[in-house]
């Protein structure tokens, strides 16, 4: 799943200061975030990424397997099918900005998460069954 914000989360200097590792290509910043151990820390990192993004507002391509993370950070979410890897759907996220963690507890947010989960649920179930077969 790819979450895209229509600007960027920050310039390279600010990203390094926040342990987000940039890689510059054209006018899109690519970055990776270190794996976060617990849910609370993950949410703090998400709000920090949004805070940094507000400063630069460039396009960011953010790859994640967390549906709620994609919905929270993105203006659109690209949902990919399992095999063959192909674009299944481009979901436009029409939630207000700036976004605070409280947004995750709203019916509108939950509706986006449910919609995306329903798109990938069969693929996920098939993968789990094949893995344990």
C-alpha atoms as a PDB file:
ATOM      1  CA  UNK A   1       0.000   0.000   0.000  1.00  0.00           C
ATOM      2  CA  UNK A   2       1.352   3.413  -0.892  1.00  0.00           C
ATOM      3  CA  UNK A   3       0.273   6.533   0.933  1.00  0.00           C
ATOM      4  CA  UNK A   4       0.907   9.791  -0.831  1.00  0.00           C
ATOM      5  CA  UNK A   5       0.782  13.263   0.625  1.00  0.00           C
ATOM      6  CA  UNK A   6       0.687  15.950  -2.017  1.00  0.00           C
ATOM      7  CA  UNK A   7       3.721  17.724  -0.698  1.00  0.00           C
ATOM      8  CA  UNK A   8       6.631  16.489   1.388  1.00  0.00           C
ATOM      9  CA  UNK A   9       7.189  15.756   5.013  1.00  0.00           C
ATOM     10  CA  UNK A  10      10.372  17.827   5.149  1.00  0.00           C
ATOM     11  CA  UNK A  11      13.691  18.770   3.664  1.00  0.00           C
ATOM     12  CA  UNK A  12      16.690  16.473   4.104  1.00  0.00           C
ATOM     13  CA  UNK A  13      18.097  18.365   7.109  1.00  0.00           C
ATOM     14  CA  UNK A  14      14.862  18.256   9.101  1.00  0.00           C
ATOM     15  CA  UNK A  15      14.338  14.618   8.165  1.00  0.00           C
ATOM     16  CA  UNK A  16      17.776  13.595   9.428  1.00  0.00           C
ATOM     17  CA  UNK A  17      17.132  15.411  12.689  1.00  0.00           C
ATOM     18  CA  UNK A  18      14.023  13.293  13.159  1.00  0.00           C
ATOM     19  CA  UNK A  19      15.584   9.961  12.116  1.00  0.00           C
ATOM     20  CA  UNK A  20      13.691   9.884   8.836  1.00  0.00           C
ATOM     21  CA  UNK A  21      16.133   8.974   6.119  1.00  0.00           C
ATOM     22  CA  UNK A  22      15.654  10.820   2.789  1.00  0.00           C
ATOM     23  CA  UNK A  23      16.647   9.858  -0.716  1.00  0.00           C
ATOM     24  CA  UNK A  24      16.141  12.621  -3.298  1.00  0.00           C
ATOM     25  CA  UNK A  25      14.956  11.819  -6.850  1.00  0.00           C
ATOM     26  CA  UNK A  26      13.468  14.419  -9.195  1.00  0.00           C
ATOM     27  CA  UNK A  27      11.086  16.543  -7.144  1.00  0.00           C
ATOM     28  CA  UNK A  28       9.780  13.678  -4.999  1.00  0.00           C
ATOM     29  CA  UNK A  29      11.403  12.955  -1.641  1.00  0.00           C
ATOM     30  CA  UNK A  30      11.628   9.282  -0.731  1.00  0.00           C
ATOM     31  CA  UNK A  31      12.281   8.377   2.857  1.00  0.00           C
ATOM     32  CA  UNK A  32      12.154   5.496   5.255  1.00  0.00           C
ATOM     33  CA  UNK A  33      11.171   5.501   8.880  1.00  0.00           C
ATOM     34  CA  UNK A  34      12.843   3.098  11.280  1.00  0.00           C
ATOM     35  CA  UNK A  35      10.541   0.333  12.496  1.00  0.00           C
ATOM     36  CA  UNK A  36       8.708   1.415  15.594  1.00  0.00           C
ATOM     37  CA  UNK A  37       8.177  -1.083  18.397  1.00  0.00           C
ATOM     38  CA  UNK A  38       4.852  -0.130  19.918  1.00  0.00           C
ATOM     39  CA  UNK A  39       1.593   1.485  18.860  1.00  0.00           C
ATOM     40  CA  UNK A  40       2.022   4.581  21.010  1.00  0.00           C
ATOM     41  CA  UNK A  41       5.472   5.369  19.618  1.00  0.00           C
ATOM     42  CA  UNK A  42       4.195   4.733  16.084  1.00  0.00           C
ATOM     43  CA  UNK A  43       1.439   7.315  16.578  1.00  0.00           C
ATOM     44  CA  UNK A  44       3.888   9.882  17.949  1.00  0.00           C
ATOM     45  CA  UNK A  45       6.122   9.308  14.904  1.00  0.00           C
ATOM     46  CA  UNK A  46       3.116   9.774  12.594  1.00  0.00           C
ATOM     47  CA  UNK A  47       2.219  13.121  14.154  1.00  0.00           C
ATOM     48  CA  UNK A  48       5.868  14.161  13.968  1.00  0.00           C
ATOM     49  CA  UNK A  49       5.968  13.279  10.265  1.00  0.00           C
ATOM     50  CA  UNK A  50       2.857  15.398   9.678  1.00  0.00           C
ATOM     51  CA  UNK A  51       4.389  18.293  11.630  1.00  0.00           C
ATOM     52  CA  UNK A  52       7.538  18.165   9.507  1.00  0.00           C
ATOM     53  CA  UNK A  53       5.468  17.789   6.318  1.00  0.00           C
ATOM     54  CA  UNK A  54       3.564  20.985   7.118  1.00  0.00           C
ATOM     55  CA  UNK A  55       6.855  22.919   6.827  1.00  0.00           C
ATOM     56  CA  UNK A  56       7.708  21.879   3.257  1.00  0.00           C
ATOM     57  CA  UNK A  57       4.539  20.518   1.626  1.00  0.00           C
ATOM     58  CA  UNK A  58       6.133  18.621  -1.252  1.00  0.00           C
ATOM     59  CA  UNK A  59       5.022  15.254  -2.623  1.00  0.00           C
ATOM     60  CA  UNK A  60       5.940  12.213  -0.529  1.00  0.00           C
ATOM     61  CA  UNK A  61       5.689   8.563  -1.471  1.00  0.00           C
ATOM     62  CA  UNK A  62       5.249   6.598   1.762  1.00  0.00           C
ATOM     63  CA  UNK A  63       5.080   2.802   1.644  1.00  0.00           C
ATOM     64  CA  UNK A  64       3.366   1.044   4.553  1.00  0.00           C
ATOM     65  CA  UNK A  65       1.418  -2.102   5.399  1.00  0.00           C
ATOM     66  CA  UNK A  66      -0.573  -0.286   8.094  1.00  0.00           C
ATOM     67  CA  UNK A  67      -3.947   0.799   6.697  1.00  0.00           C
ATOM     68  CA  UNK A  68      -4.644   3.319   9.461  1.00  0.00           C
ATOM     69  CA  UNK A  69      -1.193   4.838   9.001  1.00  0.00           C
ATOM     70  CA  UNK A  70      -1.781   5.244   5.265  1.00  0.00           C
ATOM     71  CA  UNK A  71      -5.173   6.891   5.811  1.00  0.00           C
ATOM     72  CA  UNK A  72      -3.838   9.189   8.542  1.00  0.00           C
ATOM     73  CA  UNK A  73      -0.815  10.434   6.581  1.00  0.00           C
ATOM     74  CA  UNK A  74      -2.095  10.486   3.005  1.00  0.00           C
ATOM     75  CA  UNK A  75      -4.178  12.494   0.606  1.00  0.00           C
ATOM     76  CA  UNK A  76      -4.555   9.321  -1.441  1.00  0.00           C
ATOM     77  CA  UNK A  77      -3.777   5.659  -0.874  1.00  0.00           C
ATOM     78  CA  UNK A  78      -2.737   3.347  -3.694  1.00  0.00           C
ATOM     79  CA  UNK A  79      -3.879  -0.179  -2.863  1.00  0.00           C
ATOM     80  CA  UNK A  80      -1.997  -2.981  -4.582  1.00  0.00           C
ATOM     81  CA  UNK A  81      -3.177  -6.537  -5.226  1.00  0.00           C
ATOM     82  CA  UNK A  82      -1.042  -9.387  -3.908  1.00  0.00           C
ATOM     83  CA  UNK A  83      -0.097 -11.315  -7.053  1.00  0.00           C
ATOM     84  CA  UNK A  84       0.518 -10.207  -9.582  1.00  0.00           C
ATOM     85  CA  UNK A  85       1.476  -6.895  -7.968  1.00  0.00           C
ATOM     86  CA  UNK A  86      -0.840  -4.430  -9.680  1.00  0.00           C
ATOM     87  CA  UNK A  87      -2.706  -1.311  -8.699  1.00  0.00           C
ATOM     88  CA  UNK A  88      -6.074  -2.385  -7.359  1.00  0.00           C
ATOM     89  CA  UNK A  89      -7.474   1.034  -6.472  1.00  0.00           C
ATOM     90  CA  UNK A  90      -6.535   4.665  -5.942  1.00  0.00           C
ATOM     91  CA  UNK A  91      -8.423   5.885  -2.846  1.00  0.00           C
ATOM     92  CA  UNK A  92      -8.618   9.648  -2.401  1.00  0.00           C
ATOM     93  CA  UNK A  93      -8.560  10.557   1.302  1.00  0.00           C
ATOM     94  CA  UNK A  94     -10.770  13.587   1.891  1.00  0.00           C
ATOM     95  CA  UNK A  95     -10.066  14.243   5.555  1.00  0.00           C
ATOM     96  CA  UNK A  96      -9.286  17.743   6.850  1.00  0.00           C
ATOM     97  CA  UNK A  97      -5.767  18.980   7.505  1.00  0.00           C
ATOM     98  CA  UNK A  98      -4.006  19.550   9.806  1.00  0.00           C
ATOM     99  CA  UNK A  99      -4.645  16.087  11.212  1.00  0.00           C
ATOM    100  CA  UNK A 100      -4.502  15.187  14.887  1.00  0.00           C
ATOM    101  CA  UNK A 101      -4.598  11.707  16.433  1.00  0.00           C
ATOM    102  CA  UNK A 102      -8.220  12.268  17.486  1.00  0.00           C
ATOM    103  CA  UNK A 103      -9.117  11.937  13.793  1.00  0.00           C
ATOM    104  CA  UNK A 104      -8.413   8.189  14.061  1.00  0.00           C
ATOM    105  CA  UNK A 105     -11.444   7.819  16.332  1.00  0.00           C
ATOM    106  CA  UNK A 106     -13.953   9.382  13.938  1.00  0.00           C
ATOM    107  CA  UNK A 107     -16.511   7.481  11.830  1.00  0.00           C
ATOM    108  CA  UNK A 108     -15.100   9.055   8.636  1.00  0.00           C
ATOM    109  CA  UNK A 109     -11.602   7.740   9.380  1.00  0.00           C
ATOM    110  CA  UNK A 110     -12.955   4.289  10.249  1.00  0.00           C
ATOM    111  CA  UNK A 111     -14.901   4.200   6.996  1.00  0.00           C
ATOM    112  CA  UNK A 112     -11.705   4.698   4.954  1.00  0.00           C
ATOM    113  CA  UNK A 113      -9.866   1.993   6.935  1.00  0.00           C
ATOM    114  CA  UNK A 114     -12.794  -0.442   6.515  1.00  0.00           C
ATOM    115  CA  UNK A 115     -13.078   0.302   2.782  1.00  0.00           C
ATOM    116  CA  UNK A 116      -9.371  -0.416   2.178  1.00  0.00           C
ATOM    117  CA  UNK A 117      -9.396  -3.538   4.396  1.00  0.00           C
ATOM    118  CA  UNK A 118     -12.314  -4.958   2.405  1.00  0.00           C
ATOM    119  CA  UNK A 119     -10.278  -4.461  -0.797  1.00  0.00           C
ATOM    120  CA  UNK A 120      -7.333  -6.520   0.470  1.00  0.00           C
ATOM    121  CA  UNK A 121      -8.988  -8.967   2.883  1.00  0.00           C
ATOM    122  CA  UNK A 122      -9.245 -11.869   0.413  1.00  0.00           C
ATOM    123  CA  UNK A 123      -5.599 -11.468  -0.637  1.00  0.00           C
ATOM    124  CA  UNK A 124      -4.472 -11.414   3.005  1.00  0.00           C
ATOM    125  CA  UNK A 125      -6.506 -14.509   3.899  1.00  0.00           C
ATOM    126  CA  UNK A 126      -5.161 -16.383   0.854  1.00  0.00           C
ATOM    127  CA  UNK A 127      -1.577 -15.468   1.783  1.00  0.00           C
ATOM    128  CA  UNK A 128      -2.022 -16.686   5.368  1.00  0.00           C
ATOM    129  CA  UNK A 129      -3.564 -19.984   4.241  1.00  0.00           C
ATOM    130  CA  UNK A 130      -0.794 -20.588   1.697  1.00  0.00           C
ATOM    131  CA  UNK A 131       1.887 -19.739   4.243  1.00  0.00           C
ATOM    132  CA  UNK A 132       0.547 -22.324   6.704  1.00  0.00           C
ATOM    133  CA  UNK A 133      -0.258 -25.019   4.141  1.00  0.00           C
END
